Each structure stands twice: as structure tokens, then as C-alpha cells.
Amino acid sequence: MVTDERIYNAALTRYRLGNVLIGLGVLTWLPFIVLRIAGEKPSLFWYLPIHLAGVVGGSRLRAFARKEMGASPPQKSRLRMIGHGLIFAGILVWAPYFYLKATQQPVEVMDYLPFHLVGVLGGVVVLVASHFLGRKRAMNEIEQAGFTK
């Protein structure tokens, strides 16, 4: 018989595995960047599938685990919308790059990478700020309700 505690622990393990996959997906670019600094021109297409599998797979795994643990979805706020918009814009930066690559026109990865990083990392910073502001707001509401230690 499977207990609720075991189900919760399995979901928590999946959530943590999702975090690890996201981290590995991001760290995939470390050798790429080192090779670029060293003057090499490694192919983007060796690193991109691993990056996408880690980041997209990890985020999906985390979402499923949150749902399985019964965690409430994050509250919607203007800051969260801005954060997700920045991440989306950072990803969309690659659309012209891949169009130019598909039409076999000369294009350089480093012309697009800074804009991608600014969008994605800026969006992550806004989401983290939104998370901590939401926690602070919740703690203030708890204190005002008289549920302090």
C-alpha cells in the first residue's frame, strides 16, 4: 500500500530532479562559451538539443510535481507577467537567427546571444523578485491577522 507520504516524497524528488535538469540544461552552454572564448567555432546544434531537453523537460517535470504535491499555482501579478514576457522575448530573439540560418545567409550566434541572455536572465530576476515580494506580502498579512509567534 502506498501512503500519502510516499507519494508526496516521490513528487518532491521529481521537483528536485526538475531543478537539476534545468541547471544542467543551462550549464550545457559552459563548454560552448569556453570554446568560443578560445577562438573555436563549435556548432550550436550540438548544444541546443541538450539545452532544450534540460530546460523544457525540467520545467515540465517541476510543473507536474507541483500539481501532484497539491501546491497552489503561483498567484498572478503584474510582475510575474512582466517576467514571463521578458523570458518569452528572450526566446523569440532566436527567430530571426534561425530564419537567416535556414536561408543560408551569414549569421553570427554572438549577435543574438546577448539579447537572449538579457531577456531570459532579466525575466528570471523579475520572477524571483515577484516571488519574494509575494512572500513578504503574505507574511505581513499573517502578522496583521495576529498569527505571530
C-alpha atoms as a PDB file:
ATOM      1  CA  MET A   1       0.000   0.000   0.000  1.00  0.00           C
ATOM      2  CA  VAL A   2       1.327   3.390  -0.991  1.00  0.00           C
ATOM      3  CA  THR A   3       0.935   6.074   1.611  1.00  0.00           C
ATOM      4  CA  ASP A   4       0.341   9.753   1.023  1.00  0.00           C
ATOM      5  CA  GLU A   5       3.771  10.484   2.478  1.00  0.00           C
ATOM      6  CA  ARG A   6       5.471   8.282  -0.127  1.00  0.00           C
ATOM      7  CA  ILE A   7       3.514   9.926  -2.938  1.00  0.00           C
ATOM      8  CA  TYR A   8       4.489  13.348  -1.635  1.00  0.00           C
ATOM      9  CA  ASN A   9       8.159  12.311  -1.312  1.00  0.00           C
ATOM     10  CA  ALA A  10       8.160  10.945  -4.866  1.00  0.00           C
ATOM     11  CA  ALA A  11       6.677  14.192  -6.158  1.00  0.00           C
ATOM     12  CA  LEU A  12       9.229  16.205  -4.185  1.00  0.00           C
ATOM     13  CA  THR A  13      12.002  14.086  -5.698  1.00  0.00           C
ATOM     14  CA  ARG A  14      10.617  14.779  -9.185  1.00  0.00           C
ATOM     15  CA  TYR A  15      10.505  18.505  -8.386  1.00  0.00           C
ATOM     16  CA  ARG A  16      14.153  18.451  -7.308  1.00  0.00           C
ATOM     17  CA  LEU A  17      15.105  16.407 -10.377  1.00  0.00           C
ATOM     18  CA  GLY A  18      13.386  19.075 -12.483  1.00  0.00           C
ATOM     19  CA  ASN A  19      15.593  21.715 -10.861  1.00  0.00           C
ATOM     20  CA  VAL A  20      18.686  19.619 -11.591  1.00  0.00           C
ATOM     21  CA  LEU A  21      17.650  19.173 -15.233  1.00  0.00           C
ATOM     22  CA  ILE A  22      17.128  22.915 -15.637  1.00  0.00           C
ATOM     23  CA  GLY A  23      20.546  23.595 -14.136  1.00  0.00           C
ATOM     24  CA  LEU A  24      22.228  21.017 -16.377  1.00  0.00           C
ATOM     25  CA  GLY A  25      20.393  22.412 -19.394  1.00  0.00           C
ATOM     26  CA  VAL A  26      21.767  25.863 -18.651  1.00  0.00           C
ATOM     27  CA  LEU A  27      25.267  24.587 -17.818  1.00  0.00           C
ATOM     28  CA  THR A  28      25.360  22.825 -21.188  1.00  0.00           C
ATOM     29  CA  TRP A  29      26.481  26.134 -22.646  1.00  0.00           C
ATOM     30  CA  LEU A  30      29.585  26.368 -20.460  1.00  0.00           C
ATOM     31  CA  PRO A  31      31.812  24.308 -22.804  1.00  0.00           C
ATOM     32  CA  PHE A  32      30.339  26.174 -25.783  1.00  0.00           C
ATOM     33  CA  ILE A  33      31.256  29.539 -24.259  1.00  0.00           C
ATOM     34  CA  VAL A  34      34.745  28.336 -23.282  1.00  0.00           C
ATOM     35  CA  LEU A  35      35.353  27.118 -26.835  1.00  0.00           C
ATOM     36  CA  ARG A  36      34.105  30.442 -28.257  1.00  0.00           C
ATOM     37  CA  ILE A  37      36.463  32.368 -25.976  1.00  0.00           C
ATOM     38  CA  ALA A  38      39.310  30.091 -27.089  1.00  0.00           C
ATOM     39  CA  GLY A  39      38.618  31.105 -30.694  1.00  0.00           C
ATOM     40  CA  GLU A  40      36.886  27.914 -31.832  1.00  0.00           C
ATOM     41  CA  LYS A  41      33.553  27.896 -33.658  1.00  0.00           C
ATOM     42  CA  PRO A  42      31.602  24.967 -32.159  1.00  0.00           C
ATOM     43  CA  SER A  43      28.298  24.091 -33.796  1.00  0.00           C
ATOM     44  CA  LEU A  44      25.265  25.434 -31.998  1.00  0.00           C
ATOM     45  CA  PHE A  45      23.320  22.339 -32.972  1.00  0.00           C
ATOM     46  CA  TRP A  46      25.384  20.041 -30.727  1.00  0.00           C
ATOM     47  CA  TYR A  47      24.422  22.030 -27.633  1.00  0.00           C
ATOM     48  CA  LEU A  48      20.906  23.271 -28.392  1.00  0.00           C
ATOM     49  CA  PRO A  49      19.063  19.913 -28.129  1.00  0.00           C
ATOM     50  CA  ILE A  50      20.667  19.152 -24.762  1.00  0.00           C
ATOM     51  CA  HIS A  51      19.878  22.673 -23.523  1.00  0.00           C
ATOM     52  CA  LEU A  52      16.246  22.468 -24.616  1.00  0.00           C
ATOM     53  CA  ALA A  53      15.760  18.941 -23.263  1.00  0.00           C
ATOM     54  CA  GLY A  54      17.101  20.008 -19.871  1.00  0.00           C
ATOM     55  CA  VAL A  55      15.303  23.328 -19.567  1.00  0.00           C
ATOM     56  CA  VAL A  56      11.950  22.370 -21.091  1.00  0.00           C
ATOM     57  CA  GLY A  57      11.944  18.863 -19.620  1.00  0.00           C
ATOM     58  CA  GLY A  58      12.937  20.144 -16.192  1.00  0.00           C
ATOM     59  CA  SER A  59      10.285  22.852 -16.151  1.00  0.00           C
ATOM     60  CA  ARG A  60       7.588  20.351 -17.214  1.00  0.00           C
ATOM     61  CA  LEU A  61       8.741  17.889 -14.554  1.00  0.00           C
ATOM     62  CA  ARG A  62       8.570  20.628 -11.919  1.00  0.00           C
ATOM     63  CA  ALA A  63       5.083  21.656 -13.027  1.00  0.00           C
ATOM     64  CA  PHE A  64       3.792  18.072 -12.844  1.00  0.00           C
ATOM     65  CA  ALA A  65       5.397  17.572  -9.429  1.00  0.00           C
ATOM     66  CA  ARG A  66       3.865  20.801  -8.081  1.00  0.00           C
ATOM     67  CA  LYS A  67       0.463  19.638  -9.265  1.00  0.00           C
ATOM     68  CA  GLU A  68       0.956  16.185  -7.734  1.00  0.00           C
ATOM     69  CA  MET A  69       2.021  17.693  -4.394  1.00  0.00           C
ATOM     70  CA  GLY A  70      -1.103  19.832  -4.405  1.00  0.00           C
ATOM     71  CA  ALA A  71       0.859  23.078  -4.348  1.00  0.00           C
ATOM     72  CA  SER A  72      -1.272  26.030  -5.274  1.00  0.00           C
ATOM     73  CA  PRO A  73      -0.283  27.735  -8.507  1.00  0.00           C
ATOM     74  CA  PRO A  74       1.678  30.954  -8.050  1.00  0.00           C
ATOM     75  CA  GLN A  75      -0.540  33.999  -7.749  1.00  0.00           C
ATOM     76  CA  LYS A  76      -0.784  36.045 -10.898  1.00  0.00           C
ATOM     77  CA  SER A  77       0.654  39.513 -10.651  1.00  0.00           C
ATOM     78  CA  ARG A  78       1.866  42.234 -12.950  1.00  0.00           C
ATOM     79  CA  LEU A  79       5.467  41.423 -12.061  1.00  0.00           C
ATOM     80  CA  ARG A  80       5.027  37.743 -12.986  1.00  0.00           C
ATOM     81  CA  MET A  81       3.520  38.768 -16.321  1.00  0.00           C
ATOM     82  CA  ILE A  82       6.480  41.067 -16.983  1.00  0.00           C
ATOM     83  CA  GLY A  83       8.939  38.329 -16.013  1.00  0.00           C
ATOM     84  CA  HIS A  84       7.315  35.786 -18.308  1.00  0.00           C
ATOM     85  CA  GLY A  85       7.126  38.394 -21.078  1.00  0.00           C
ATOM     86  CA  LEU A  86      10.849  39.076 -20.799  1.00  0.00           C
ATOM     87  CA  ILE A  87      11.650  35.372 -20.942  1.00  0.00           C
ATOM     88  CA  PHE A  88       9.375  34.942 -23.950  1.00  0.00           C
ATOM     89  CA  ALA A  89      11.012  37.906 -25.709  1.00  0.00           C
ATOM     90  CA  GLY A  90      14.443  36.494 -24.888  1.00  0.00           C
ATOM     91  CA  ILE A  91      13.475  33.232 -26.559  1.00  0.00           C
ATOM     92  CA  LEU A  92      11.913  34.978 -29.564  1.00  0.00           C
ATOM     93  CA  VAL A  93      15.248  36.687 -30.220  1.00  0.00           C
ATOM     94  CA  TRP A  94      16.292  33.454 -31.915  1.00  0.00           C
ATOM     95  CA  ALA A  95      13.548  33.572 -34.571  1.00  0.00           C
ATOM     96  CA  PRO A  96      15.480  35.858 -36.958  1.00  0.00           C
ATOM     97  CA  TYR A  97      18.681  33.916 -36.303  1.00  0.00           C
ATOM     98  CA  PHE A  98      17.127  30.618 -37.341  1.00  0.00           C
ATOM     99  CA  TYR A  99      15.391  32.242 -40.314  1.00  0.00           C
ATOM    100  CA  LEU A 100      18.701  33.615 -41.560  1.00  0.00           C
ATOM    101  CA  LYS A 101      20.387  30.276 -40.890  1.00  0.00           C
ATOM    102  CA  ALA A 102      17.650  28.412 -42.804  1.00  0.00           C
ATOM    103  CA  THR A 103      18.025  30.749 -45.790  1.00  0.00           C
ATOM    104  CA  GLN A 104      21.797  30.141 -45.653  1.00  0.00           C
ATOM    105  CA  GLN A 105      22.684  33.774 -45.075  1.00  0.00           C
ATOM    106  CA  PRO A 106      25.743  34.614 -42.986  1.00  0.00           C
ATOM    107  CA  VAL A 107      24.751  34.996 -39.351  1.00  0.00           C
ATOM    108  CA  GLU A 108      26.718  35.007 -36.099  1.00  0.00           C
ATOM    109  CA  VAL A 109      25.463  33.456 -32.839  1.00  0.00           C
ATOM    110  CA  MET A 110      27.111  36.146 -30.741  1.00  0.00           C
ATOM    111  CA  ASP A 111      24.953  38.820 -32.407  1.00  0.00           C
ATOM    112  CA  TYR A 112      21.866  37.269 -30.790  1.00  0.00           C
ATOM    113  CA  LEU A 113      23.132  35.662 -27.592  1.00  0.00           C
ATOM    114  CA  PRO A 114      23.426  38.885 -25.520  1.00  0.00           C
ATOM    115  CA  PHE A 115      19.802  39.798 -26.261  1.00  0.00           C
ATOM    116  CA  HIS A 116      18.661  36.285 -25.397  1.00  0.00           C
ATOM    117  CA  LEU A 117      20.540  36.345 -22.093  1.00  0.00           C
ATOM    118  CA  VAL A 118      19.274  39.813 -21.171  1.00  0.00           C
ATOM    119  CA  GLY A 119      15.690  38.738 -21.820  1.00  0.00           C
ATOM    120  CA  VAL A 120      15.840  35.365 -20.103  1.00  0.00           C
ATOM    121  CA  LEU A 121      18.011  36.340 -17.145  1.00  0.00           C
ATOM    122  CA  GLY A 122      16.144  39.632 -16.717  1.00  0.00           C
ATOM    123  CA  GLY A 123      12.861  37.710 -16.684  1.00  0.00           C
ATOM    124  CA  VAL A 124      14.213  35.259 -14.109  1.00  0.00           C
ATOM    125  CA  VAL A 125      15.321  38.152 -11.874  1.00  0.00           C
ATOM    126  CA  VAL A 126      11.846  39.716 -12.118  1.00  0.00           C
ATOM    127  CA  LEU A 127      10.200  36.358 -11.297  1.00  0.00           C
ATOM    128  CA  VAL A 128      12.466  35.857  -8.272  1.00  0.00           C
ATOM    129  CA  ALA A 129      11.689  39.394  -7.088  1.00  0.00           C
ATOM    130  CA  SER A 130       7.979  38.709  -7.563  1.00  0.00           C
ATOM    131  CA  HIS A 131       8.283  35.522  -5.519  1.00  0.00           C
ATOM    132  CA  PHE A 132       9.988  37.255  -2.600  1.00  0.00           C
ATOM    133  CA  LEU A 133       7.626  40.236  -2.703  1.00  0.00           C
ATOM    134  CA  GLY A 134       4.689  37.800  -2.624  1.00  0.00           C
ATOM    135  CA  ARG A 135       6.176  36.000   0.374  1.00  0.00           C
ATOM    136  CA  LYS A 136       6.774  39.290   2.158  1.00  0.00           C
ATOM    137  CA  ARG A 137       3.193  40.360   1.452  1.00  0.00           C
ATOM    138  CA  ALA A 138       1.884  37.023   2.779  1.00  0.00           C
ATOM    139  CA  MET A 139       3.978  37.311   5.952  1.00  0.00           C
ATOM    140  CA  ASN A 140       2.667  40.833   6.534  1.00  0.00           C
ATOM    141  CA  GLU A 141      -0.910  39.571   6.146  1.00  0.00           C
ATOM    142  CA  ILE A 142      -0.236  36.784   8.665  1.00  0.00           C
ATOM    143  CA  GLU A 143       1.217  39.270  11.159  1.00  0.00           C
ATOM    144  CA  GLN A 144      -1.715  41.628  10.730  1.00  0.00           C
ATOM    145  CA  ALA A 145      -4.128  38.773  11.341  1.00  0.00           C
ATOM    146  CA  GLY A 146      -2.439  38.172  14.690  1.00  0.00           C
ATOM    147  CA  PHE A 147      -0.821  34.829  13.918  1.00  0.00           C
ATOM    148  CA  THR A 148       2.672  35.784  15.059  1.00  0.00           C
ATOM    149  CA  LYS A 149       4.913  33.606  17.230  1.00  0.00           C
END
